[in-house]
Amino acid sequence: MIRIRKRYLLAASLLFLLEVFIALFVHDKIIRPYAGDFLATIFLYCLALGLLKAAPVKVALGVLLTAYLIEALQYVHLLSWMGWQHSRVARIVLGSRFE
């Protein structure tokens, strides 16, 4: 079930660093909400393919459903429900606004 693919893990690492940079230093109305979500989905895909022995189509579907779930949880204000709305780490990792 686990298979290490270095190329995908390298790509995931670079995307992660780019995501952290965007989360910490980019505060606009286009790059952070839209490009950030787009890159986060690609990051999850690369990470999953780098670690799992699975068909790319199944990984893509799983990542897409995960991305939709996270957006839906942002829509219903999950962080507020859990009392984490002031947690910077939670807002960076899960996002705080539905876009």
C-alpha atoms as a PDB file:
ATOM      1  CA  MET A   1       0.000   0.000   0.000  1.00  0.00           C
ATOM      2  CA  ILE A   2       2.889   2.380   0.682  1.00  0.00           C
ATOM      3  CA  ARG A   3       5.296   3.203  -2.129  1.00  0.00           C
ATOM      4  CA  ILE A   4       7.813   6.016  -2.022  1.00  0.00           C
ATOM      5  CA  ARG A   5       8.120   8.096  -5.189  1.00  0.00           C
ATOM      6  CA  LYS A   6      10.816  10.710  -4.720  1.00  0.00           C
ATOM      7  CA  ARG A   7       9.750  12.962  -7.607  1.00  0.00           C
ATOM      8  CA  TYR A   8       6.251  13.396  -6.242  1.00  0.00           C
ATOM      9  CA  LEU A   9       7.542  13.931  -2.713  1.00  0.00           C
ATOM     10  CA  LEU A  10       9.982  16.567  -3.974  1.00  0.00           C
ATOM     11  CA  ALA A  11       7.163  18.312  -5.843  1.00  0.00           C
ATOM     12  CA  ALA A  12       4.971  18.118  -2.709  1.00  0.00           C
ATOM     13  CA  SER A  13       7.789  19.612  -0.612  1.00  0.00           C
ATOM     14  CA  LEU A  14       8.242  22.527  -3.000  1.00  0.00           C
ATOM     15  CA  LEU A  15       4.497  23.132  -3.165  1.00  0.00           C
ATOM     16  CA  PHE A  16       4.305  23.031   0.630  1.00  0.00           C
ATOM     17  CA  LEU A  17       7.010  25.687   0.921  1.00  0.00           C
ATOM     18  CA  LEU A  18       5.201  27.827  -1.653  1.00  0.00           C
ATOM     19  CA  GLU A  19       1.939  27.406   0.271  1.00  0.00           C
ATOM     20  CA  VAL A  20       3.594  28.463   3.535  1.00  0.00           C
ATOM     21  CA  PHE A  21       5.046  31.521   1.796  1.00  0.00           C
ATOM     22  CA  ILE A  22       1.629  32.455   0.399  1.00  0.00           C
ATOM     23  CA  ALA A  23      -0.075  31.913   3.760  1.00  0.00           C
ATOM     24  CA  LEU A  24       2.416  34.036   5.674  1.00  0.00           C
ATOM     25  CA  PHE A  25       3.324  36.812   3.273  1.00  0.00           C
ATOM     26  CA  VAL A  26       0.666  37.227   0.565  1.00  0.00           C
ATOM     27  CA  HIS A  27      -2.428  39.114   1.700  1.00  0.00           C
ATOM     28  CA  ASP A  28      -4.398  39.910  -1.417  1.00  0.00           C
ATOM     29  CA  LYS A  29      -7.797  39.006  -2.843  1.00  0.00           C
ATOM     30  CA  ILE A  30      -6.698  36.712  -5.693  1.00  0.00           C
ATOM     31  CA  ILE A  31      -3.465  34.799  -5.049  1.00  0.00           C
ATOM     32  CA  ARG A  32      -4.109  33.703  -1.475  1.00  0.00           C
ATOM     33  CA  PRO A  33      -7.739  32.547  -1.739  1.00  0.00           C
ATOM     34  CA  TYR A  34      -7.787  31.132  -5.263  1.00  0.00           C
ATOM     35  CA  ALA A  35      -4.235  30.198  -6.237  1.00  0.00           C
ATOM     36  CA  GLY A  36      -3.583  29.012  -2.680  1.00  0.00           C
ATOM     37  CA  ASP A  37      -6.503  26.565  -2.785  1.00  0.00           C
ATOM     38  CA  PHE A  38      -5.519  25.410  -6.267  1.00  0.00           C
ATOM     39  CA  LEU A  39      -1.913  24.770  -5.196  1.00  0.00           C
ATOM     40  CA  ALA A  40      -3.052  23.064  -1.986  1.00  0.00           C
ATOM     41  CA  THR A  41      -5.046  20.575  -4.052  1.00  0.00           C
ATOM     42  CA  ILE A  42      -2.040  19.864  -6.263  1.00  0.00           C
ATOM     43  CA  PHE A  43       0.094  19.503  -3.112  1.00  0.00           C
ATOM     44  CA  LEU A  44      -2.257  16.863  -1.705  1.00  0.00           C
ATOM     45  CA  TYR A  45      -2.219  14.998  -5.030  1.00  0.00           C
ATOM     46  CA  CYS A  46       1.595  14.961  -5.185  1.00  0.00           C
ATOM     47  CA  LEU A  47       1.857  13.935  -1.536  1.00  0.00           C
ATOM     48  CA  ALA A  48      -0.615  11.087  -1.974  1.00  0.00           C
ATOM     49  CA  LEU A  49       1.054   9.810  -5.150  1.00  0.00           C
ATOM     50  CA  GLY A  50       4.436  10.120  -3.449  1.00  0.00           C
ATOM     51  CA  LEU A  51       3.368   7.882  -0.577  1.00  0.00           C
ATOM     52  CA  LEU A  52       0.630   5.573  -1.815  1.00  0.00           C
ATOM     53  CA  LYS A  53       0.538   2.768  -4.323  1.00  0.00           C
ATOM     54  CA  ALA A  54      -2.719   3.692  -5.996  1.00  0.00           C
ATOM     55  CA  ALA A  55      -4.046   4.537  -9.422  1.00  0.00           C
ATOM     56  CA  PRO A  56      -3.677   8.228 -10.282  1.00  0.00           C
ATOM     57  CA  VAL A  57      -7.390   8.514 -11.109  1.00  0.00           C
ATOM     58  CA  LYS A  58      -8.380   7.200  -7.671  1.00  0.00           C
ATOM     59  CA  VAL A  59      -5.909   9.547  -5.985  1.00  0.00           C
ATOM     60  CA  ALA A  60      -7.230  12.492  -8.003  1.00  0.00           C
ATOM     61  CA  LEU A  61     -10.821  11.675  -7.051  1.00  0.00           C
ATOM     62  CA  GLY A  62      -9.909  11.314  -3.373  1.00  0.00           C
ATOM     63  CA  VAL A  63      -8.003  14.601  -3.359  1.00  0.00           C
ATOM     64  CA  LEU A  64     -10.837  16.386  -5.167  1.00  0.00           C
ATOM     65  CA  LEU A  65     -13.381  15.127  -2.632  1.00  0.00           C
ATOM     66  CA  THR A  66     -11.059  16.171   0.214  1.00  0.00           C
ATOM     67  CA  ALA A  67     -10.727  19.665  -1.275  1.00  0.00           C
ATOM     68  CA  TYR A  68     -14.515  19.939  -1.606  1.00  0.00           C
ATOM     69  CA  LEU A  69     -14.938  18.779   2.002  1.00  0.00           C
ATOM     70  CA  ILE A  70     -12.503  21.400   3.279  1.00  0.00           C
ATOM     71  CA  GLU A  71     -14.289  24.135   1.316  1.00  0.00           C
ATOM     72  CA  ALA A  72     -17.656  22.948   2.677  1.00  0.00           C
ATOM     73  CA  LEU A  73     -16.296  23.021   6.228  1.00  0.00           C
ATOM     74  CA  GLN A  74     -15.094  26.578   5.629  1.00  0.00           C
ATOM     75  CA  TYR A  75     -18.586  27.475   4.393  1.00  0.00           C
ATOM     76  CA  VAL A  76     -20.171  26.262   7.659  1.00  0.00           C
ATOM     77  CA  HIS A  77     -17.464  28.004   9.748  1.00  0.00           C
ATOM     78  CA  LEU A  78     -15.930  24.863  11.277  1.00  0.00           C
ATOM     79  CA  LEU A  79     -13.195  26.832  13.065  1.00  0.00           C
ATOM     80  CA  SER A  80     -15.797  28.923  14.893  1.00  0.00           C
ATOM     81  CA  TRP A  81     -17.725  25.819  15.929  1.00  0.00           C
ATOM     82  CA  MET A  82     -14.568  24.308  17.372  1.00  0.00           C
ATOM     83  CA  GLY A  83     -13.471  27.554  19.023  1.00  0.00           C
ATOM     84  CA  TRP A  84     -10.344  27.740  16.864  1.00  0.00           C
ATOM     85  CA  GLN A  85     -11.206  30.941  14.978  1.00  0.00           C
ATOM     86  CA  HIS A  86      -8.330  32.788  16.683  1.00  0.00           C
ATOM     87  CA  SER A  87      -5.765  30.035  16.097  1.00  0.00           C
ATOM     88  CA  ARG A  88      -3.329  31.214  13.429  1.00  0.00           C
ATOM     89  CA  VAL A  89      -2.146  27.660  12.732  1.00  0.00           C
ATOM     90  CA  ALA A  90      -5.699  26.345  12.284  1.00  0.00           C
ATOM     91  CA  ARG A  91      -6.573  29.241   9.965  1.00  0.00           C
ATOM     92  CA  ILE A  92      -3.448  28.614   7.864  1.00  0.00           C
ATOM     93  CA  VAL A  93      -3.907  24.829   7.652  1.00  0.00           C
ATOM     94  CA  LEU A  94      -7.690  24.627   7.192  1.00  0.00           C
ATOM     95  CA  GLY A  95      -8.430  28.059   5.826  1.00  0.00           C
ATOM     96  CA  SER A  96     -10.948  30.382   7.341  1.00  0.00           C
ATOM     97  CA  ARG A  97     -13.068  31.675   4.467  1.00  0.00           C
ATOM     98  CA  PHE A  98     -15.130  29.952   1.833  1.00  0.00           C
ATOM     99  CA  GLU A  99     -14.227  31.151  -1.668  1.00  0.00           C
END
